[in-house]
Amino acid sequence: MNDMKLFFTYLVLVISLIVGCSNQPGRNSNTFYIDGKYYELTDELLNHYRQSWESGEVRGPFRTVLEENDRRWVMDFISIHQATKQTHCKTLSLLGVRKRIEMVDTINGKTIRAKMFDEEWRIDACGVTKNYRAFNPEGSLNLNIYEIAASPSGFASDEEYDH
């Protein structure tokens, strides 16, 4: 009896995760909320920002738990964020993606916990290393991202995803 109850609990959890992952905002979206402003971009303008990446495309050799559309959205966000900052950087390189062990961050005294995944994306923006946190916030199905300071544990290649 307990085995059957455990099986159904597991089945409900798996179905919830599948439904939750397939409904994440950000997929195929041209809308971005960056530094308190909404940006609704045409496909043409979005392609312009995508040219900031050295390879001209958003596929990197780095592993992430994100699917292609969400990975593209994160890289789009980063390119728009860098282009709209005072430095107006338009030359970007993806240096790495790694799983964040902490799964928690504090900004302005507010604790922000991740639910299903938490990643640190390291980029080179016009010769300056920048770090971004891409994660699923606790209590939400959203994909969130913001610029962060480098994690104290560093960013060694053996800390990247290995699956």
N, C-alpha and C. Protein backbone atom coordinates (compact mmCIF):
# COMPACT_ATOMS: atom_id res chain seq x y z
N MET A 1 0.82 -1.20 0.00
CA MET A 1 0.00 0.00 0.00
C MET A 1 0.87 1.26 0.00
N ASN A 2 1.91 1.27 0.85
CA ASN A 2 2.80 2.43 0.89
C ASN A 2 3.55 2.60 -0.42
N ASP A 3 3.90 1.48 -1.07
CA ASP A 3 4.58 1.56 -2.36
C ASP A 3 3.68 2.21 -3.41
N MET A 4 2.40 1.89 -3.40
CA MET A 4 1.46 2.47 -4.36
C MET A 4 1.29 3.97 -4.10
N LYS A 5 1.19 4.35 -2.83
CA LYS A 5 1.06 5.76 -2.47
C LYS A 5 2.31 6.53 -2.89
N LEU A 6 3.48 5.95 -2.67
CA LEU A 6 4.74 6.56 -3.06
C LEU A 6 4.82 6.71 -4.58
N PHE A 7 4.36 5.69 -5.31
CA PHE A 7 4.36 5.73 -6.76
C PHE A 7 3.49 6.88 -7.28
N PHE A 8 2.28 7.03 -6.75
CA PHE A 8 1.38 8.09 -7.20
C PHE A 8 1.91 9.47 -6.81
N THR A 9 2.52 9.58 -5.64
CA THR A 9 3.12 10.85 -5.23
C THR A 9 4.23 11.22 -6.20
N TYR A 10 5.07 10.26 -6.54
CA TYR A 10 6.16 10.48 -7.50
C TYR A 10 5.61 10.86 -8.87
N LEU A 11 4.56 10.17 -9.32
CA LEU A 11 3.96 10.44 -10.62
C LEU A 11 3.41 11.86 -10.68
N VAL A 12 2.72 12.31 -9.64
CA VAL A 12 2.18 13.67 -9.59
C VAL A 12 3.32 14.68 -9.63
N LEU A 13 4.40 14.41 -8.90
CA LEU A 13 5.55 15.31 -8.89
C LEU A 13 6.17 15.42 -10.27
N VAL A 14 6.35 14.30 -10.95
CA VAL A 14 6.95 14.31 -12.29
C VAL A 14 6.06 15.07 -13.28
N ILE A 15 4.77 14.83 -13.23
CA ILE A 15 3.84 15.53 -14.12
C ILE A 15 3.86 17.03 -13.82
N SER A 16 3.90 17.41 -12.56
CA SER A 16 3.96 18.82 -12.19
C SER A 16 5.21 19.49 -12.73
N LEU A 17 6.34 18.80 -12.62
CA LEU A 17 7.59 19.36 -13.13
C LEU A 17 7.55 19.52 -14.65
N ILE A 18 7.00 18.52 -15.34
CA ILE A 18 6.92 18.60 -16.80
C ILE A 18 6.02 19.75 -17.22
N VAL A 19 4.86 19.88 -16.61
CA VAL A 19 3.94 20.96 -16.94
C VAL A 19 4.56 22.30 -16.57
N GLY A 20 5.19 22.38 -15.41
CA GLY A 20 5.82 23.62 -14.97
C GLY A 20 6.93 24.05 -15.91
N CYS A 21 7.76 23.14 -16.35
CA CYS A 21 8.87 23.48 -17.23
C CYS A 21 8.39 23.89 -18.61
N SER A 22 7.31 23.30 -19.07
CA SER A 22 6.85 23.63 -20.41
C SER A 22 6.11 24.96 -20.47
N ASN A 23 5.76 25.53 -19.31
CA ASN A 23 5.03 26.79 -19.30
C ASN A 23 5.88 27.95 -18.80
N GLN A 24 7.19 27.79 -18.79
CA GLN A 24 8.04 28.86 -18.29
C GLN A 24 7.96 30.08 -19.19
N PRO A 25 7.72 31.25 -18.61
CA PRO A 25 7.79 32.47 -19.40
C PRO A 25 9.21 32.65 -19.91
N GLY A 26 9.37 33.31 -21.01
CA GLY A 26 10.69 33.53 -21.57
C GLY A 26 10.87 32.78 -22.87
N ARG A 27 10.20 31.68 -23.04
CA ARG A 27 10.33 30.92 -24.28
C ARG A 27 9.67 31.67 -25.42
N ASN A 28 10.43 31.78 -26.50
CA ASN A 28 9.93 32.44 -27.71
C ASN A 28 9.36 33.82 -27.41
N SER A 29 9.91 34.48 -26.44
CA SER A 29 9.38 35.77 -26.03
C SER A 29 10.31 36.89 -26.45
N ASN A 30 9.73 37.98 -26.90
CA ASN A 30 10.50 39.17 -27.26
C ASN A 30 10.31 40.26 -26.21
N THR A 31 9.82 39.88 -25.03
CA THR A 31 9.58 40.82 -23.95
C THR A 31 10.60 40.59 -22.84
N PHE A 32 11.21 41.69 -22.39
CA PHE A 32 12.24 41.61 -21.36
C PHE A 32 11.99 42.71 -20.34
N TYR A 33 12.16 42.38 -19.07
CA TYR A 33 12.06 43.36 -17.99
C TYR A 33 13.46 43.53 -17.44
N ILE A 34 14.09 44.67 -17.75
CA ILE A 34 15.49 44.89 -17.41
C ILE A 34 15.62 46.22 -16.68
N ASP A 35 16.18 46.16 -15.48
CA ASP A 35 16.43 47.36 -14.68
C ASP A 35 15.20 48.27 -14.56
N GLY A 36 14.06 47.65 -14.32
CA GLY A 36 12.83 48.40 -14.09
C GLY A 36 12.10 48.86 -15.33
N LYS A 37 12.56 48.44 -16.51
CA LYS A 37 11.90 48.83 -17.76
C LYS A 37 11.51 47.60 -18.57
N TYR A 38 10.35 47.69 -19.22
CA TYR A 38 9.93 46.63 -20.13
C TYR A 38 10.44 46.95 -21.53
N TYR A 39 10.96 45.93 -22.20
CA TYR A 39 11.40 46.06 -23.58
C TYR A 39 10.63 45.03 -24.41
N GLU A 40 9.86 45.51 -25.37
CA GLU A 40 9.16 44.63 -26.31
C GLU A 40 9.85 44.83 -27.65
N LEU A 41 10.60 43.82 -28.11
CA LEU A 41 11.44 43.96 -29.28
C LEU A 41 10.86 43.24 -30.49
N THR A 42 11.04 43.84 -31.64
CA THR A 42 10.69 43.15 -32.88
C THR A 42 11.74 42.07 -33.13
N ASP A 43 11.41 41.12 -33.99
CA ASP A 43 12.38 40.07 -34.34
C ASP A 43 13.64 40.68 -34.94
N GLU A 44 13.47 41.72 -35.74
CA GLU A 44 14.62 42.37 -36.38
C GLU A 44 15.56 43.00 -35.35
N LEU A 45 14.99 43.70 -34.37
CA LEU A 45 15.82 44.33 -33.34
C LEU A 45 16.48 43.27 -32.45
N LEU A 46 15.74 42.21 -32.14
CA LEU A 46 16.30 41.13 -31.34
C LEU A 46 17.48 40.48 -32.06
N ASN A 47 17.36 40.28 -33.36
CA ASN A 47 18.48 39.73 -34.15
C ASN A 47 19.68 40.67 -34.13
N HIS A 48 19.42 41.97 -34.11
CA HIS A 48 20.51 42.96 -34.01
C HIS A 48 21.29 42.75 -32.71
N TYR A 49 20.58 42.60 -31.58
CA TYR A 49 21.24 42.37 -30.30
C TYR A 49 21.99 41.05 -30.29
N ARG A 50 21.44 40.04 -30.95
CA ARG A 50 22.10 38.73 -30.99
C ARG A 50 23.45 38.79 -31.70
N GLN A 51 23.64 39.77 -32.55
CA GLN A 51 24.92 39.90 -33.25
C GLN A 51 26.04 40.34 -32.30
N SER A 52 25.70 40.73 -31.07
CA SER A 52 26.71 41.10 -30.09
C SER A 52 27.59 39.92 -29.70
N TRP A 53 27.01 38.73 -29.76
CA TRP A 53 27.77 37.54 -29.37
C TRP A 53 28.81 37.24 -30.44
N GLU A 54 30.01 36.93 -30.01
CA GLU A 54 31.13 36.73 -30.92
C GLU A 54 30.82 35.82 -32.08
N SER A 55 30.14 34.74 -31.82
CA SER A 55 29.85 33.79 -32.88
C SER A 55 28.66 34.21 -33.74
N GLY A 56 27.92 35.24 -33.29
CA GLY A 56 26.75 35.69 -34.04
C GLY A 56 25.54 34.81 -33.79
N GLU A 57 25.68 33.82 -32.92
CA GLU A 57 24.56 32.97 -32.57
C GLU A 57 24.55 32.74 -31.08
N VAL A 58 23.51 32.14 -30.57
CA VAL A 58 23.37 31.99 -29.12
C VAL A 58 23.65 30.58 -28.64
N ARG A 59 24.24 29.78 -29.46
CA ARG A 59 24.58 28.42 -29.02
C ARG A 59 26.02 28.40 -28.56
N GLY A 60 26.21 28.02 -27.33
CA GLY A 60 27.55 27.95 -26.79
C GLY A 60 27.91 26.51 -26.49
N PRO A 61 29.18 26.24 -26.25
CA PRO A 61 29.61 24.89 -25.94
C PRO A 61 29.36 24.52 -24.49
N PHE A 62 28.76 25.42 -23.71
CA PHE A 62 28.60 25.20 -22.29
C PHE A 62 27.27 24.54 -21.97
N ARG A 63 27.29 23.66 -21.01
CA ARG A 63 26.09 22.92 -20.65
C ARG A 63 25.27 23.69 -19.62
N THR A 64 23.98 23.56 -19.75
CA THR A 64 23.03 24.21 -18.86
C THR A 64 21.82 23.30 -18.75
N VAL A 65 21.04 23.48 -17.70
CA VAL A 65 19.80 22.70 -17.58
C VAL A 65 18.70 23.30 -18.46
N LEU A 66 18.93 24.49 -18.97
CA LEU A 66 17.91 25.17 -19.78
C LEU A 66 17.81 24.58 -21.17
N GLU A 67 16.59 24.56 -21.67
CA GLU A 67 16.36 24.13 -23.05
C GLU A 67 16.78 25.25 -23.99
N GLU A 68 16.87 24.95 -25.28
CA GLU A 68 17.38 25.89 -26.28
C GLU A 68 16.67 27.24 -26.24
N ASN A 69 15.34 27.27 -26.20
CA ASN A 69 14.61 28.54 -26.21
C ASN A 69 14.91 29.38 -24.97
N ASP A 70 15.00 28.73 -23.81
CA ASP A 70 15.30 29.46 -22.59
C ASP A 70 16.75 29.92 -22.57
N ARG A 71 17.66 29.11 -23.09
CA ARG A 71 19.06 29.51 -23.19
C ARG A 71 19.18 30.74 -24.10
N ARG A 72 18.47 30.72 -25.20
CA ARG A 72 18.48 31.86 -26.12
C ARG A 72 17.93 33.11 -25.42
N TRP A 73 16.85 32.95 -24.65
CA TRP A 73 16.25 34.08 -23.95
C TRP A 73 17.23 34.68 -22.95
N VAL A 74 17.96 33.84 -22.22
CA VAL A 74 18.96 34.33 -21.26
C VAL A 74 20.04 35.13 -21.98
N MET A 75 20.52 34.59 -23.10
CA MET A 75 21.58 35.30 -23.84
C MET A 75 21.04 36.58 -24.47
N ASP A 76 19.78 36.58 -24.89
CA ASP A 76 19.15 37.80 -25.39
C ASP A 76 19.09 38.85 -24.28
N PHE A 77 18.65 38.42 -23.11
CA PHE A 77 18.57 39.33 -21.96
C PHE A 77 19.93 39.95 -21.68
N ILE A 78 20.97 39.13 -21.64
CA ILE A 78 22.32 39.64 -21.35
C ILE A 78 22.75 40.65 -22.41
N SER A 79 22.51 40.34 -23.69
CA SER A 79 22.95 41.26 -24.74
C SER A 79 22.19 42.59 -24.67
N ILE A 80 20.90 42.55 -24.38
CA ILE A 80 20.11 43.78 -24.25
C ILE A 80 20.58 44.56 -23.03
N HIS A 81 20.78 43.86 -21.91
CA HIS A 81 21.23 44.50 -20.68
C HIS A 81 22.56 45.21 -20.90
N GLN A 82 23.50 44.54 -21.54
CA GLN A 82 24.81 45.15 -21.77
C GLN A 82 24.72 46.32 -22.74
N ALA A 83 23.87 46.23 -23.75
CA ALA A 83 23.74 47.31 -24.74
C ALA A 83 23.04 48.53 -24.17
N THR A 84 22.20 48.34 -23.15
CA THR A 84 21.45 49.47 -22.59
C THR A 84 22.14 50.09 -21.38
N LYS A 85 23.26 49.52 -20.94
CA LYS A 85 24.02 50.10 -19.83
C LYS A 85 24.80 51.29 -20.35
N GLN A 86 25.36 52.06 -19.45
CA GLN A 86 26.12 53.25 -19.84
C GLN A 86 27.30 52.91 -20.75
N THR A 87 27.86 51.72 -20.61
CA THR A 87 29.02 51.36 -21.44
C THR A 87 28.61 50.99 -22.85
N HIS A 88 27.35 50.65 -23.07
CA HIS A 88 26.82 50.28 -24.39
C HIS A 88 27.65 49.19 -25.06
N CYS A 89 28.04 48.18 -24.32
CA CYS A 89 28.87 47.11 -24.86
C CYS A 89 28.11 46.28 -25.88
N LYS A 90 28.75 46.04 -27.01
CA LYS A 90 28.13 45.26 -28.08
C LYS A 90 29.04 44.16 -28.58
N THR A 91 30.02 43.75 -27.75
CA THR A 91 30.90 42.64 -28.09
C THR A 91 30.93 41.70 -26.89
N LEU A 92 30.25 40.57 -27.02
CA LEU A 92 30.10 39.64 -25.90
C LEU A 92 30.64 38.25 -26.24
N SER A 93 31.19 37.59 -25.22
CA SER A 93 31.62 36.20 -25.35
C SER A 93 31.13 35.44 -24.13
N LEU A 94 30.59 34.27 -24.35
CA LEU A 94 30.17 33.41 -23.24
C LEU A 94 31.39 32.65 -22.76
N LEU A 95 31.76 32.84 -21.49
CA LEU A 95 32.94 32.19 -20.93
C LEU A 95 32.62 30.88 -20.22
N GLY A 96 31.40 30.78 -19.70
CA GLY A 96 31.03 29.55 -19.01
C GLY A 96 29.69 29.65 -18.32
N VAL A 97 29.16 28.50 -18.00
CA VAL A 97 27.91 28.37 -17.24
C VAL A 97 28.17 27.31 -16.19
N ARG A 98 27.80 27.60 -14.97
CA ARG A 98 27.97 26.60 -13.92
C ARG A 98 26.78 26.59 -12.98
N LYS A 99 26.58 25.47 -12.38
CA LYS A 99 25.52 25.30 -11.39
C LYS A 99 25.94 26.03 -10.12
N ARG A 100 25.04 26.84 -9.59
CA ARG A 100 25.30 27.52 -8.31
C ARG A 100 24.88 26.58 -7.19
N ILE A 101 25.76 26.32 -6.29
CA ILE A 101 25.49 25.41 -5.18
C ILE A 101 24.60 26.08 -4.14
N GLU A 102 24.77 27.38 -3.94
CA GLU A 102 24.09 28.10 -2.87
C GLU A 102 22.57 28.07 -2.99
N MET A 103 22.04 28.26 -4.20
CA MET A 103 20.61 28.31 -4.47
C MET A 103 19.90 29.44 -3.71
N VAL A 104 20.67 30.41 -3.21
CA VAL A 104 20.10 31.55 -2.50
C VAL A 104 20.99 32.76 -2.73
N ASP A 105 20.37 33.94 -2.74
CA ASP A 105 21.10 35.19 -2.92
C ASP A 105 20.37 36.24 -2.10
N THR A 106 21.09 37.27 -1.68
CA THR A 106 20.47 38.36 -0.93
C THR A 106 20.74 39.67 -1.65
N ILE A 107 19.67 40.39 -1.99
CA ILE A 107 19.78 41.67 -2.67
C ILE A 107 18.99 42.70 -1.87
N ASN A 108 19.66 43.78 -1.50
CA ASN A 108 19.02 44.84 -0.71
C ASN A 108 18.28 44.29 0.50
N GLY A 109 18.89 43.32 1.17
CA GLY A 109 18.31 42.74 2.37
C GLY A 109 17.23 41.70 2.11
N LYS A 110 16.89 41.46 0.85
CA LYS A 110 15.84 40.49 0.51
C LYS A 110 16.49 39.18 0.05
N THR A 111 16.06 38.08 0.64
CA THR A 111 16.58 36.76 0.28
C THR A 111 15.81 36.22 -0.91
N ILE A 112 16.56 35.80 -1.93
CA ILE A 112 15.94 35.25 -3.14
C ILE A 112 16.43 33.81 -3.29
N ARG A 113 15.51 32.87 -3.12
CA ARG A 113 15.85 31.45 -3.20
C ARG A 113 15.44 30.87 -4.55
N ALA A 114 16.25 29.95 -5.03
CA ALA A 114 15.93 29.23 -6.26
C ALA A 114 15.14 27.98 -5.91
N LYS A 115 14.35 27.53 -6.87
CA LYS A 115 13.52 26.35 -6.66
C LYS A 115 14.10 25.13 -7.37
N MET A 116 14.06 25.12 -8.72
CA MET A 116 14.45 23.93 -9.48
C MET A 116 15.88 24.00 -10.01
N PHE A 117 16.37 25.19 -10.31
CA PHE A 117 17.74 25.32 -10.80
C PHE A 117 18.27 26.70 -10.48
N ASP A 118 19.59 26.81 -10.45
CA ASP A 118 20.26 28.07 -10.17
C ASP A 118 21.62 28.02 -10.87
N GLU A 119 21.83 28.91 -11.85
CA GLU A 119 23.06 28.89 -12.63
C GLU A 119 23.73 30.25 -12.63
N GLU A 120 25.04 30.23 -12.76
CA GLU A 120 25.83 31.44 -12.94
C GLU A 120 26.39 31.42 -14.36
N TRP A 121 26.09 32.46 -15.12
CA TRP A 121 26.57 32.61 -16.49
C TRP A 121 27.67 33.66 -16.48
N ARG A 122 28.86 33.31 -16.92
CA ARG A 122 29.99 34.25 -16.97
C ARG A 122 30.23 34.66 -18.41
N ILE A 123 30.34 35.98 -18.61
CA ILE A 123 30.56 36.49 -19.96
C ILE A 123 31.73 37.48 -19.95
N ASP A 124 32.26 37.72 -21.13
CA ASP A 124 33.19 38.81 -21.34
C ASP A 124 32.41 39.88 -22.10
N ALA A 125 32.31 41.06 -21.50
CA ALA A 125 31.59 42.18 -22.11
C ALA A 125 32.59 43.29 -22.39
N CYS A 126 33.04 43.38 -23.63
CA CYS A 126 34.02 44.40 -24.03
C CYS A 126 35.25 44.37 -23.14
N GLY A 127 35.75 43.17 -22.86
CA GLY A 127 36.96 43.02 -22.08
C GLY A 127 36.78 42.98 -20.58
N VAL A 128 35.55 43.07 -20.10
CA VAL A 128 35.27 43.04 -18.66
C VAL A 128 34.42 41.81 -18.35
N THR A 129 34.85 41.03 -17.36
CA THR A 129 34.10 39.84 -16.97
C THR A 129 32.87 40.23 -16.16
N LYS A 130 31.73 39.70 -16.57
CA LYS A 130 30.45 39.94 -15.89
C LYS A 130 29.82 38.59 -15.57
N ASN A 131 29.01 38.56 -14.53
CA ASN A 131 28.33 37.34 -14.10
C ASN A 131 26.83 37.60 -13.97
N TYR A 132 26.05 36.61 -14.37
CA TYR A 132 24.60 36.71 -14.28
C TYR A 132 24.07 35.46 -13.58
N ARG A 133 23.01 35.65 -12.83
CA ARG A 133 22.32 34.54 -12.19
C ARG A 133 21.05 34.25 -12.98
N ALA A 134 20.92 33.02 -13.49
CA ALA A 134 19.70 32.56 -14.16
C ALA A 134 19.12 31.47 -13.27
N PHE A 135 17.85 31.61 -12.89
CA PHE A 135 17.28 30.68 -11.92
C PHE A 135 15.77 30.68 -11.98
N ASN A 136 15.20 29.69 -11.33
CA ASN A 136 13.77 29.58 -11.15
C ASN A 136 13.48 29.94 -9.70
N PRO A 137 12.83 31.10 -9.44
CA PRO A 137 12.60 31.51 -8.05
C PRO A 137 11.61 30.61 -7.33
N GLU A 138 11.89 30.44 -6.06
CA GLU A 138 10.99 29.65 -5.21
C GLU A 138 9.59 30.23 -5.27
N GLY A 139 8.58 29.35 -5.42
CA GLY A 139 7.19 29.79 -5.47
C GLY A 139 6.75 30.31 -6.82
N SER A 140 7.53 30.03 -7.87
CA SER A 140 7.21 30.56 -9.19
C SER A 140 7.67 29.59 -10.27
N LEU A 141 7.08 29.70 -11.46
CA LEU A 141 7.54 28.91 -12.60
C LEU A 141 8.37 29.77 -13.56
N ASN A 142 8.64 31.01 -13.18
CA ASN A 142 9.36 31.94 -14.04
C ASN A 142 10.83 31.59 -14.17
N LEU A 143 11.41 32.13 -15.22
CA LEU A 143 12.85 32.11 -15.44
C LEU A 143 13.31 33.54 -15.18
N ASN A 144 14.14 33.74 -14.16
CA ASN A 144 14.62 35.07 -13.80
C ASN A 144 16.11 35.16 -14.04
N ILE A 145 16.59 36.38 -14.27
CA ILE A 145 18.01 36.61 -14.48
C ILE A 145 18.37 38.02 -14.04
N TYR A 146 19.55 38.15 -13.43
CA TYR A 146 20.08 39.47 -13.09
C TYR A 146 21.59 39.37 -12.95
N GLU A 147 22.25 40.53 -13.05
CA GLU A 147 23.70 40.57 -12.93
C GLU A 147 24.09 40.42 -11.47
N ILE A 148 25.16 39.67 -11.22
CA ILE A 148 25.64 39.42 -9.86
C ILE A 148 27.16 39.60 -9.82
N ALA A 149 27.67 39.68 -8.60
CA ALA A 149 29.12 39.62 -8.41
C ALA A 149 29.50 38.14 -8.55
N ALA A 150 30.74 37.88 -8.85
CA ALA A 150 31.19 36.49 -8.98
C ALA A 150 30.98 35.76 -7.67
N SER A 151 30.63 34.48 -7.75
CA SER A 151 30.46 33.67 -6.55
C SER A 151 31.80 33.55 -5.83
N PRO A 152 31.77 33.53 -4.51
CA PRO A 152 33.01 33.46 -3.74
C PRO A 152 33.83 32.20 -4.05
N SER A 153 33.16 31.14 -4.48
CA SER A 153 33.87 29.89 -4.73
C SER A 153 34.62 29.90 -6.06
N GLY A 154 34.51 30.98 -6.82
CA GLY A 154 35.23 31.05 -8.09
C GLY A 154 34.46 30.40 -9.22
N PHE A 155 35.15 30.16 -10.30
CA PHE A 155 34.50 29.66 -11.50
C PHE A 155 35.44 28.71 -12.23
N ALA A 156 35.83 27.65 -11.58
CA ALA A 156 36.74 26.69 -12.18
C ALA A 156 35.99 25.80 -13.16
N SER A 157 36.69 25.32 -14.18
CA SER A 157 36.04 24.51 -15.21
C SER A 157 35.43 23.23 -14.64
N ASP A 158 36.00 22.71 -13.56
CA ASP A 158 35.43 21.48 -12.99
C ASP A 158 34.14 21.75 -12.24
N GLU A 159 33.73 23.00 -12.10
CA GLU A 159 32.47 23.33 -11.45
C GLU A 159 31.34 23.44 -12.46
N GLU A 160 31.66 23.37 -13.76
CA GLU A 160 30.62 23.44 -14.76
C GLU A 160 29.82 22.15 -14.74
N TYR A 161 28.71 22.14 -15.43
CA TYR A 161 27.90 20.93 -15.51
C TYR A 161 28.70 19.83 -16.17
N ASP A 162 28.55 18.62 -15.68
CA ASP A 162 29.30 17.52 -16.24
C ASP A 162 28.41 16.42 -16.78
N HIS A 163 27.17 16.74 -17.07
CA HIS A 163 26.27 15.72 -17.62
C HIS A 163 25.88 16.04 -19.03
